[in-house]
Amino acid sequence: MFTPTVKWIIAVILVVDVALLCSFIRFRIKRNRSSAFFDFDRYKERELLRRHLLD
């Protein structure tokens, strides 16, 4: 039905689509988890280190 070249092109497109879908899902999960959970201690330590108030 399809020539070998067309099969390779379809396979590559499917692999790229699956990779993009996985990365999009991981990004959404990471973004939602970080917005729901705020680590105040880590934020405060980072701010103090940035201002050179904590050694």
Protein backbone atom coordinates (compact mmCIF):
# COMPACT_ATOMS: atom_id res chain seq x y z
CA MET A 1 0.00 0.00 0.00
CA PHE A 2 2.70 2.52 1.02
CA THR A 3 6.23 2.68 -0.30
CA PRO A 4 9.07 2.17 2.22
CA THR A 5 9.92 5.88 2.09
CA VAL A 6 6.38 6.88 3.01
CA LYS A 7 6.39 4.37 5.86
CA TRP A 8 9.60 5.90 7.27
CA ILE A 9 8.17 9.41 7.00
CA ILE A 10 4.98 8.34 8.81
CA ALA A 11 7.03 6.58 11.50
CA VAL A 12 9.20 9.66 12.08
CA ILE A 13 6.14 11.90 12.29
CA LEU A 14 4.52 9.57 14.82
CA VAL A 15 7.66 9.45 16.97
CA VAL A 16 7.94 13.26 16.94
CA ASP A 17 4.25 13.60 17.83
CA VAL A 18 4.56 11.19 20.74
CA ALA A 19 7.68 12.99 22.00
CA LEU A 20 5.96 16.37 21.83
CA LEU A 21 2.89 15.01 23.58
CA CYS A 22 4.99 13.52 26.39
CA SER A 23 6.95 16.74 26.88
CA PHE A 24 3.74 18.79 26.89
CA ILE A 25 2.17 16.50 29.51
CA ARG A 26 5.31 16.63 31.67
CA PHE A 27 5.38 20.44 31.42
CA ARG A 28 1.73 20.71 32.45
CA ILE A 29 2.18 18.35 35.41
CA LYS A 30 5.31 20.19 36.56
CA ARG A 31 3.63 23.58 36.18
CA ASN A 32 0.48 22.55 38.05
CA ARG A 33 2.42 20.93 40.89
CA SER A 34 4.67 23.95 41.36
CA SER A 35 1.77 26.39 41.38
CA ALA A 36 -0.13 24.37 43.98
CA PHE A 37 2.88 23.92 46.25
CA PHE A 38 5.01 26.88 47.29
CA ASP A 39 8.16 26.17 49.29
CA PHE A 40 8.51 29.32 51.37
CA ASP A 41 11.71 28.17 53.11
CA ARG A 42 13.49 27.60 49.81
CA TYR A 43 12.25 30.95 48.49
CA LYS A 44 13.41 32.81 51.60
CA GLU A 45 16.82 31.14 51.59
CA ARG A 46 17.28 31.97 47.91
CA GLU A 47 16.35 35.61 48.52
CA LEU A 48 18.73 35.94 51.48
CA LEU A 49 21.56 34.36 49.52
CA ARG A 50 20.89 36.64 46.57
CA ARG A 51 21.12 39.71 48.81
CA HIS A 52 24.24 38.35 50.54
CA LEU A 53 22.55 38.38 53.94
CA LEU A 54 23.11 34.68 54.59
CA ASP A 55 26.48 32.95 54.40
